[in-house]
Amino acid sequence: MNKLLPLALSLLSTVAYAQSDYKKAMPFAEKQTDVMLKEIPEAKTKSTKPNVVVPRTLDAKGNLVMIPSKDWVSGFFPGELWYLYEYTKNQKWADVANQYTTYIEPEQFDKGTHDVGFKVYCSVGNGYRLTHDARYKDIIIQAAKTLSTRFNPKVGCIKSWDHRKDWPYPVIIDNMMNLELLFAATTLSGDSSFYKIAVTHANTTMKNHFRPDYSSYHVVDYDPETGAVLHKATHQGYADSSAWARGQGWGLYGYTLCYRETKNPIYLKQAEAIAKFIFTNPNLPKDKVAYWDFNDPGIPNVPRDASAAALMASALYELSTYSKNGKEYRKTADQIVASLTKSYQAKPGESHGFILLHSTGHKPANSEIDVPISYADYYYLEALLRQQRLAQGKKLIDDVK
């Protein structure tokens, strides 16, 4: 029995460390972000794009890529800054978060994209949650009004893209993430139309996006006149029939937040089924940081996607608070966070201040493969904060009010 004691103590130590990764990872994230803030001014001057305001990734030469507010990724960096303020309570981070959030505020009026949710809620939404600034509240409500203009009741979904002329009404699984903006706007405004749109979109997506094994297509294209499904595709994955990793993460997170906002058990069941597909998948690596697509035949010699892993971990922490499988979900989230912290972090002071390496953006287009990306850092910090709240016995999600 005594021979087993060191092993048992070692396992307990590993678990304890995994549940407190935030204690080391958040200070590291602060230092990296300080590096990035110093590098941004020079990167702005070198950018060939007009009106760039926030960082997105690194290019093939290792240079910091800056983007304008219209880019779908623009809200994540301000959101990271708000997360650092939430963790540290240091006014320095609130001030710089407010500065960068200001750059994104015009997006509340952008009717040309469903990504108004990503852009506004990750930045302004976190700002409002932490400061209750009335100006932020007004922006959230206006952004929800803007997003609602893309809803077609015949289809029962918010349209995602306008740029594909061969797809008359494409809806992507990513769009589930933008529903959080609509739910928040309902609470803040009292206008239930936002809630009804969100629920209708979630129900239609649940009906048409998922296969019998609860993996998801990336895109479902509809006839805008009849609502009929025209085509199903996996645009950013290996093949139309494959399970693109980040897409599975969007679905997991999206239906978890839908359950939070509605308490409808069909959404909890959906989130649990998606989690089962992901975390019992034979192609999920031992460190639980997914390959970019679960069905790439080149596995294991294909890129990972740290952004998908961070997204999944954050979703699992929340799902763990609702589900009978909560202990299992929390353990898996801890394992993912531990893997990201141990093996996917940038070297201190390097990578122009990004926190995580080894994400995959759009492999079929040969775009952003094995690079740091701001949304990976955003969901990693969110997962760390959720880990902290659970460890401290605090409520995981703040009420919108």
Protein backbone atom coordinates (compact mmCIF):
# COMPACT_ATOMS: atom_id res chain seq x y z
CA MET A 1 0.00 0.00 0.00
CA ASN A 2 2.84 2.35 0.89
CA LYS A 3 4.33 1.83 -2.57
CA LEU A 4 1.19 3.32 -4.08
CA LEU A 5 1.25 6.40 -1.88
CA PRO A 6 3.81 8.41 -3.90
CA LEU A 7 1.86 7.70 -7.09
CA ALA A 8 -1.40 8.77 -5.47
CA LEU A 9 0.17 11.94 -4.15
CA SER A 10 1.63 12.67 -7.57
CA LEU A 11 -1.77 12.29 -9.22
CA LEU A 12 -3.38 14.53 -6.62
CA SER A 13 -0.67 17.11 -7.21
CA THR A 14 -1.27 16.99 -10.98
CA VAL A 15 -5.01 17.49 -10.50
CA ALA A 16 -4.44 20.35 -8.06
CA TYR A 17 -2.08 22.03 -10.53
CA ALA A 18 -4.51 21.60 -13.40
CA GLN A 19 -7.24 23.30 -11.39
CA SER A 20 -5.03 26.32 -10.69
CA ASP A 21 -3.33 26.97 -14.03
CA TYR A 22 -4.82 30.46 -13.93
CA LYS A 23 -2.44 31.43 -11.11
CA LYS A 24 0.54 31.15 -13.45
CA ALA A 25 -1.09 31.70 -16.82
CA MET A 26 -2.81 35.01 -16.10
CA PRO A 27 0.38 36.83 -14.95
CA PHE A 28 2.10 35.45 -18.06
CA ALA A 29 -0.74 36.79 -20.19
CA GLU A 30 -0.31 40.22 -18.58
CA LYS A 31 3.37 40.33 -19.50
CA GLN A 32 2.73 39.14 -23.04
CA THR A 33 0.00 41.74 -23.53
CA ASP A 34 2.33 44.47 -22.31
CA VAL A 35 4.70 43.37 -25.08
CA MET A 36 1.92 43.52 -27.64
CA LEU A 37 0.75 46.97 -26.58
CA LYS A 38 4.29 48.26 -27.14
CA GLU A 39 4.48 46.63 -30.58
CA ILE A 40 1.09 47.79 -31.90
CA PRO A 41 2.04 51.41 -32.78
CA GLU A 42 4.89 50.31 -35.07
CA ALA A 43 2.76 47.57 -36.61
CA LYS A 44 0.08 50.15 -37.40
CA THR A 45 2.54 52.34 -39.28
CA LYS A 46 3.80 49.37 -41.31
CA SER A 47 0.35 48.04 -42.20
CA THR A 48 -0.76 48.28 -45.83
CA LYS A 49 -4.42 48.16 -44.76
CA PRO A 50 -6.26 51.40 -43.91
CA ASN A 51 -7.74 52.15 -40.49
CA VAL A 52 -6.20 49.21 -38.66
CA VAL A 53 -6.85 49.21 -34.92
CA VAL A 54 -6.18 45.80 -33.33
CA PRO A 55 -3.91 42.76 -33.81
CA ARG A 56 -5.13 39.51 -35.34
CA THR A 57 -2.22 37.13 -36.00
CA LEU A 58 1.33 36.89 -37.37
CA ASP A 59 2.12 36.69 -41.07
CA ALA A 60 4.46 34.21 -42.75
CA LYS A 61 7.44 36.44 -41.91
CA GLY A 62 6.46 36.67 -38.27
CA ASN A 63 5.18 40.24 -38.47
CA LEU A 64 2.23 41.43 -36.41
CA VAL A 65 -0.91 41.60 -38.58
CA MET A 66 -3.22 44.51 -37.75
CA ILE A 67 -6.87 44.67 -38.79
CA PRO A 68 -9.65 47.29 -39.02
CA SER A 69 -12.73 47.17 -36.83
CA LYS A 70 -14.79 45.67 -39.69
CA ASP A 71 -12.76 42.42 -39.48
CA TRP A 72 -14.77 39.71 -37.68
CA VAL A 73 -11.85 39.16 -35.28
CA SER A 74 -11.64 42.78 -34.11
CA GLY A 75 -13.53 42.42 -30.83
CA PHE A 76 -11.32 39.76 -29.32
CA PHE A 77 -8.28 41.85 -28.38
CA PRO A 78 -10.34 44.45 -26.46
CA GLY A 79 -12.06 41.50 -24.80
CA GLU A 80 -8.70 40.11 -23.70
CA LEU A 81 -7.90 43.46 -22.11
CA TRP A 82 -11.19 43.41 -20.21
CA TYR A 83 -10.38 39.89 -18.99
CA LEU A 84 -7.02 41.09 -17.67
CA TYR A 85 -8.81 43.88 -15.84
CA GLU A 86 -11.28 41.38 -14.41
CA TYR A 87 -8.46 39.22 -13.09
CA THR A 88 -6.15 41.93 -11.77
CA LYS A 89 -8.59 44.74 -10.84
CA ASN A 90 -5.79 47.01 -12.09
CA GLN A 91 -7.23 50.25 -13.52
CA LYS A 92 -4.46 50.27 -16.11
CA TRP A 93 -6.16 47.40 -17.91
CA ALA A 94 -9.59 49.03 -17.72
CA ASP A 95 -8.22 52.19 -19.28
CA VAL A 96 -6.54 50.45 -22.19
CA ALA A 97 -9.53 48.11 -22.63
CA ASN A 98 -11.83 51.11 -22.90
CA GLN A 99 -9.47 52.70 -25.45
CA TYR A 100 -9.44 49.65 -27.71
CA THR A 101 -13.15 49.02 -27.25
CA THR A 102 -13.82 52.52 -28.54
CA TYR A 103 -12.25 51.50 -31.84
CA ILE A 104 -14.85 48.73 -32.25
CA GLU A 105 -17.94 50.74 -31.35
CA PRO A 106 -18.81 51.77 -34.95
CA GLU A 107 -19.50 48.10 -35.69
CA GLN A 108 -22.81 48.35 -33.87
CA PHE A 109 -24.23 49.68 -37.16
CA ASP A 110 -22.69 47.12 -39.57
CA LYS A 111 -25.63 45.37 -41.24
CA GLY A 112 -23.37 43.56 -43.70
CA THR A 113 -22.33 40.74 -41.37
CA HIS A 114 -23.58 38.42 -38.64
CA ASP A 115 -20.24 38.98 -36.92
CA VAL A 116 -21.54 42.12 -35.23
CA GLY A 117 -22.11 39.77 -32.30
CA PHE A 118 -18.47 38.66 -32.13
CA LYS A 119 -17.20 42.18 -32.66
CA VAL A 120 -19.44 44.04 -30.24
CA TYR A 121 -20.22 41.53 -27.52
CA CYS A 122 -16.66 40.31 -26.94
CA SER A 123 -15.49 43.91 -26.54
CA VAL A 124 -18.38 46.16 -25.51
CA GLY A 125 -20.25 43.30 -23.84
CA ASN A 126 -17.38 42.56 -21.48
CA GLY A 127 -16.88 46.27 -20.92
CA TYR A 128 -20.51 46.65 -19.85
CA ARG A 129 -20.39 43.56 -17.65
CA LEU A 130 -17.44 44.93 -15.72
CA THR A 131 -18.27 48.67 -15.62
CA HIS A 132 -22.03 49.02 -16.24
CA ASP A 133 -21.26 52.05 -18.38
CA ALA A 134 -24.61 53.20 -19.82
CA ARG A 135 -22.95 54.00 -23.15
CA TYR A 136 -21.95 50.36 -23.52
CA LYS A 137 -25.51 49.29 -22.77
CA ASP A 138 -26.84 51.46 -25.59
CA ILE A 139 -24.27 50.03 -28.01
CA ILE A 140 -25.25 46.43 -27.16
CA ILE A 141 -28.92 47.17 -27.82
CA GLN A 142 -28.16 48.94 -31.10
CA ALA A 143 -25.90 46.07 -32.21
CA ALA A 144 -28.72 43.62 -31.51
CA LYS A 145 -31.09 45.73 -33.62
CA THR A 146 -28.52 45.67 -36.41
CA LEU A 147 -28.02 41.90 -36.18
CA SER A 148 -31.78 41.35 -36.18
CA THR A 149 -32.04 42.90 -39.66
CA ARG A 150 -30.30 39.78 -41.00
CA PHE A 151 -33.00 37.43 -39.71
CA ASN A 152 -35.37 35.86 -42.23
CA PRO A 153 -38.48 34.31 -40.62
CA LYS A 154 -39.00 32.06 -43.66
CA VAL A 155 -35.61 30.49 -43.05
CA GLY A 156 -35.68 30.83 -39.27
CA CYS A 157 -32.04 31.93 -39.15
CA ILE A 158 -29.78 34.96 -39.24
CA LYS A 159 -27.91 35.11 -42.54
CA SER A 160 -24.16 34.74 -42.16
CA TRP A 161 -22.42 35.76 -45.39
CA ASP A 162 -23.20 38.11 -48.25
CA HIS A 163 -20.04 37.50 -50.29
CA ARG A 164 -20.91 34.05 -51.74
CA LYS A 165 -23.21 34.71 -54.69
CA ASP A 166 -23.58 30.97 -55.31
CA TRP A 167 -25.05 30.57 -51.80
CA PRO A 168 -28.25 32.65 -51.54
CA TYR A 169 -28.68 32.29 -47.76
CA PRO A 170 -25.69 30.67 -46.02
CA VAL A 171 -25.82 30.09 -42.27
CA ILE A 172 -22.65 28.99 -40.48
CA ILE A 173 -22.34 27.19 -37.16
CA ASP A 174 -20.21 30.11 -35.89
CA ASN A 175 -23.42 32.16 -35.88
CA MET A 176 -24.52 30.37 -32.69
CA MET A 177 -22.01 32.53 -30.84
CA ASN A 178 -23.73 35.75 -31.89
CA LEU A 179 -26.94 34.76 -30.10
CA GLU A 180 -25.43 35.85 -26.78
CA LEU A 181 -25.70 39.46 -27.96
CA LEU A 182 -29.41 39.01 -28.64
CA PHE A 183 -30.11 37.39 -25.28
CA ALA A 184 -28.27 40.22 -23.51
CA ALA A 185 -30.15 42.87 -25.45
CA THR A 186 -33.46 41.32 -24.42
CA THR A 187 -32.52 41.66 -20.76
CA LEU A 188 -31.16 45.19 -21.17
CA SER A 189 -34.00 46.54 -23.31
CA GLY A 190 -37.01 44.45 -22.38
CA ASP A 191 -37.57 43.79 -26.10
CA SER A 192 -38.40 40.10 -26.43
CA SER A 193 -38.03 40.13 -30.22
CA PHE A 194 -34.28 39.60 -29.81
CA TYR A 195 -34.92 36.53 -27.64
CA LYS A 196 -37.39 35.08 -30.15
CA ILE A 197 -34.91 35.48 -33.00
CA ALA A 198 -32.15 33.81 -30.98
CA VAL A 199 -34.32 30.84 -30.04
CA THR A 200 -35.64 30.39 -33.57
CA HIS A 201 -32.12 30.50 -34.98
CA ALA A 202 -30.89 27.96 -32.42
CA ASN A 203 -33.78 25.59 -33.18
CA THR A 204 -33.35 25.80 -36.95
CA THR A 205 -29.61 25.25 -36.65
CA MET A 206 -30.14 22.27 -34.35
CA LYS A 207 -32.50 20.75 -36.92
CA ASN A 208 -30.33 21.23 -40.01
CA HIS A 209 -26.66 21.59 -39.08
CA PHE A 210 -26.09 18.37 -37.16
CA ARG A 211 -25.47 14.82 -38.33
CA PRO A 212 -26.76 11.74 -36.45
CA ASP A 213 -23.48 11.55 -34.46
CA TYR A 214 -23.90 15.24 -33.43
CA SER A 215 -20.99 16.44 -35.49
CA SER A 216 -21.78 19.61 -37.39
CA TYR A 217 -21.57 20.93 -40.90
CA HIS A 218 -19.97 24.35 -41.17
CA VAL A 219 -22.47 25.87 -43.62
CA VAL A 220 -26.11 25.21 -44.43
CA ASP A 221 -27.43 27.19 -47.40
CA TYR A 222 -31.15 27.94 -47.56
CA ASP A 223 -33.68 29.15 -50.11
CA PRO A 224 -34.61 32.58 -48.71
CA GLU A 225 -38.06 32.40 -50.31
CA THR A 226 -39.14 29.02 -48.95
CA GLY A 227 -36.69 28.19 -46.15
CA ALA A 228 -35.77 24.90 -47.83
CA VAL A 229 -32.24 23.56 -47.31
CA LEU A 230 -30.31 23.81 -50.59
CA HIS A 231 -26.82 22.64 -49.68
CA LYS A 232 -24.67 21.56 -46.75
CA ALA A 233 -20.92 22.15 -46.69
CA THR A 234 -17.87 22.36 -44.44
CA HIS A 235 -16.16 25.33 -46.02
CA GLN A 236 -13.26 25.63 -43.57
CA GLY A 237 -12.87 21.91 -42.92
CA TYR A 238 -11.28 18.97 -44.73
CA ALA A 239 -14.45 17.94 -46.59
CA ASP A 240 -18.17 18.64 -46.54
CA SER A 241 -18.70 15.43 -44.58
CA SER A 242 -15.95 16.14 -42.04
CA ALA A 243 -16.00 17.63 -38.56
CA TRP A 244 -14.05 20.90 -38.58
CA ALA A 245 -12.72 21.24 -35.04
CA ARG A 246 -13.50 24.88 -34.33
CA GLY A 247 -16.97 24.42 -35.76
CA GLN A 248 -17.63 21.69 -33.20
CA GLY A 249 -16.46 24.12 -30.54
CA TRP A 250 -18.82 26.85 -31.75
CA GLY A 251 -21.71 24.42 -31.46
CA LEU A 252 -20.72 23.23 -28.00
CA TYR A 253 -20.37 26.76 -26.68
CA GLY A 254 -23.45 28.05 -28.51
CA TYR A 255 -25.91 25.48 -27.17
CA THR A 256 -24.45 25.75 -23.68
CA LEU A 257 -25.15 29.49 -23.65
CA CYS A 258 -28.61 28.86 -25.10
CA TYR A 259 -29.38 26.61 -22.15
CA ARG A 260 -28.09 29.27 -19.77
CA GLU A 261 -30.41 31.88 -21.24
CA THR A 262 -33.54 29.75 -21.73
CA LYS A 263 -33.21 26.77 -19.38
CA ASN A 264 -34.73 24.71 -22.19
CA PRO A 265 -33.48 21.13 -21.65
CA ILE A 266 -33.25 20.45 -25.39
CA TYR A 267 -30.25 22.80 -25.52
CA LEU A 268 -28.56 21.08 -22.60
CA LYS A 269 -29.09 17.72 -24.28
CA GLN A 270 -27.65 19.11 -27.52
CA ALA A 271 -24.55 20.50 -25.79
CA GLU A 272 -23.98 17.20 -23.98
CA ALA A 273 -24.30 15.27 -27.25
CA ILE A 274 -21.80 17.56 -28.98
CA ALA A 275 -19.41 17.15 -26.05
CA LYS A 276 -19.73 13.37 -26.33
CA PHE A 277 -18.88 13.49 -30.04
CA ILE A 278 -15.80 15.62 -29.40
CA PHE A 279 -14.39 13.97 -26.32
CA THR A 280 -15.00 10.33 -27.25
CA ASN A 281 -13.66 10.87 -30.76
CA PRO A 282 -10.83 8.42 -31.53
CA ASN A 283 -8.95 11.19 -33.34
CA LEU A 284 -8.83 13.50 -30.31
CA PRO A 285 -5.17 13.59 -29.17
CA LYS A 286 -4.19 12.55 -25.65
CA ASP A 287 -3.53 16.16 -24.67
CA LYS A 288 -7.10 16.99 -25.83
CA VAL A 289 -5.94 19.83 -28.09
CA ALA A 290 -7.81 18.97 -31.27
CA TYR A 291 -6.39 18.58 -34.74
CA TRP A 292 -7.82 21.23 -37.05
CA ASP A 293 -10.35 18.71 -38.44
CA PHE A 294 -11.34 15.44 -36.80
CA ASN A 295 -11.49 13.67 -40.16
CA ASP A 296 -8.28 14.77 -41.85
CA PRO A 297 -6.80 11.46 -43.12
CA GLY A 298 -3.32 12.81 -42.47
CA ILE A 299 -3.77 12.65 -38.68
CA PRO A 300 -1.49 12.72 -36.67
CA ASN A 301 0.71 14.66 -39.09
CA VAL A 302 -1.63 17.62 -39.46
CA PRO A 303 -1.92 20.97 -37.65
CA ARG A 304 -3.56 21.36 -34.26
CA ASP A 305 -5.99 24.13 -33.43
CA ALA A 306 -5.31 25.70 -30.04
CA SER A 307 -8.18 28.13 -30.65
CA ALA A 308 -10.65 25.25 -30.91
CA ALA A 309 -9.24 23.72 -27.73
CA ALA A 310 -9.48 26.97 -25.76
CA LEU A 311 -13.04 27.49 -26.98
CA MET A 312 -14.00 23.95 -25.98
CA ALA A 313 -12.44 24.30 -22.54
CA SER A 314 -14.31 27.51 -21.82
CA ALA A 315 -17.59 25.94 -22.95
CA LEU A 316 -16.98 22.83 -20.86
CA TYR A 317 -16.45 24.85 -17.69
CA GLU A 318 -19.87 26.40 -18.13
CA LEU A 319 -21.51 23.14 -19.19
CA SER A 320 -20.08 21.51 -16.06
CA THR A 321 -22.30 23.75 -13.92
CA TYR A 322 -25.51 22.55 -15.62
CA SER A 323 -24.95 18.89 -16.42
CA LYS A 324 -25.05 15.64 -14.46
CA ASN A 325 -21.69 15.01 -16.15
CA GLY A 326 -20.28 18.14 -14.54
CA LYS A 327 -17.27 16.56 -12.80
CA GLU A 328 -16.19 14.86 -16.02
CA TYR A 329 -16.56 18.08 -18.03
CA ARG A 330 -14.61 20.12 -15.53
CA LYS A 331 -11.83 17.52 -15.43
CA THR A 332 -11.58 17.56 -19.22
CA ALA A 333 -11.53 21.36 -19.30
CA ASP A 334 -8.74 21.34 -16.72
CA GLN A 335 -6.79 18.88 -18.88
CA ILE A 336 -7.15 21.09 -21.95
CA VAL A 337 -6.10 24.21 -20.08
CA ALA A 338 -3.13 22.37 -18.56
CA SER A 339 -2.03 21.22 -22.03
CA LEU A 340 -2.36 24.71 -23.50
CA THR A 341 -0.48 26.23 -20.58
CA LYS A 342 2.32 23.67 -20.66
CA SER A 343 2.88 23.12 -24.36
CA TYR A 344 1.16 25.79 -26.45
CA GLN A 345 2.20 29.06 -24.83
CA ALA A 346 4.54 31.43 -26.63
CA LYS A 347 7.99 31.93 -25.16
CA PRO A 348 8.04 34.86 -22.72
CA GLY A 349 8.46 38.17 -24.54
CA GLU A 350 8.24 36.58 -27.99
CA SER A 351 5.63 36.21 -30.76
CA HIS A 352 4.89 39.95 -30.54
CA GLY A 353 2.98 39.38 -27.31
CA PHE A 354 0.55 36.65 -28.36
CA ILE A 355 -0.20 34.16 -25.59
CA LEU A 356 -0.89 30.89 -27.41
CA LEU A 357 0.74 29.36 -30.49
CA HIS A 358 -0.45 26.62 -32.88
CA SER A 359 -3.89 27.70 -34.02
CA THR A 360 -5.40 27.07 -37.45
CA GLY A 361 -7.60 29.65 -39.13
CA HIS A 362 -8.64 28.47 -42.61
CA LYS A 363 -6.53 25.54 -43.78
CA PRO A 364 -8.31 24.89 -47.11
CA ALA A 365 -7.46 28.47 -48.10
CA ASN A 366 -3.90 28.02 -46.81
CA SER A 367 -4.57 30.89 -44.40
CA GLU A 368 -3.32 31.25 -40.82
CA ILE A 369 -1.96 27.74 -40.30
CA ASP A 370 0.00 26.99 -37.12
CA VAL A 371 0.03 30.59 -35.93
CA PRO A 372 -1.13 32.59 -32.92
CA ILE A 373 -4.59 34.15 -33.38
CA SER A 374 -6.31 36.62 -31.09
CA TYR A 375 -9.47 34.57 -30.61
CA ALA A 376 -7.40 31.68 -29.26
CA ASP A 377 -5.99 34.01 -26.63
CA TYR A 378 -9.45 35.40 -25.87
CA TYR A 379 -11.06 32.03 -25.16
CA TYR A 380 -7.98 30.84 -23.28
CA LEU A 381 -8.24 33.80 -20.91
CA GLU A 382 -11.98 33.24 -20.58
CA ALA A 383 -11.36 29.59 -19.72
CA LEU A 384 -8.76 30.58 -17.12
CA LEU A 385 -11.16 33.03 -15.50
CA ARG A 386 -13.87 30.39 -15.42
CA GLN A 387 -11.42 27.93 -13.90
CA GLN A 388 -10.64 30.49 -11.22
CA ARG A 389 -14.30 31.10 -10.41
CA LEU A 390 -15.00 27.40 -10.07
CA ALA A 391 -11.92 26.91 -7.89
CA GLN A 392 -13.09 29.73 -5.62
CA GLY A 393 -16.68 28.52 -5.50
CA LYS A 394 -18.02 31.62 -7.22
CA LYS A 395 -20.87 31.94 -9.69
CA LEU A 396 -19.45 31.20 -13.13
CA ILE A 397 -21.43 33.61 -15.32
CA ASP A 398 -22.38 37.15 -14.34
CA ASP A 399 -26.01 38.09 -14.77
CA VAL A 400 -26.65 40.73 -17.44
CA LYS A 401 -28.40 43.67 -15.79
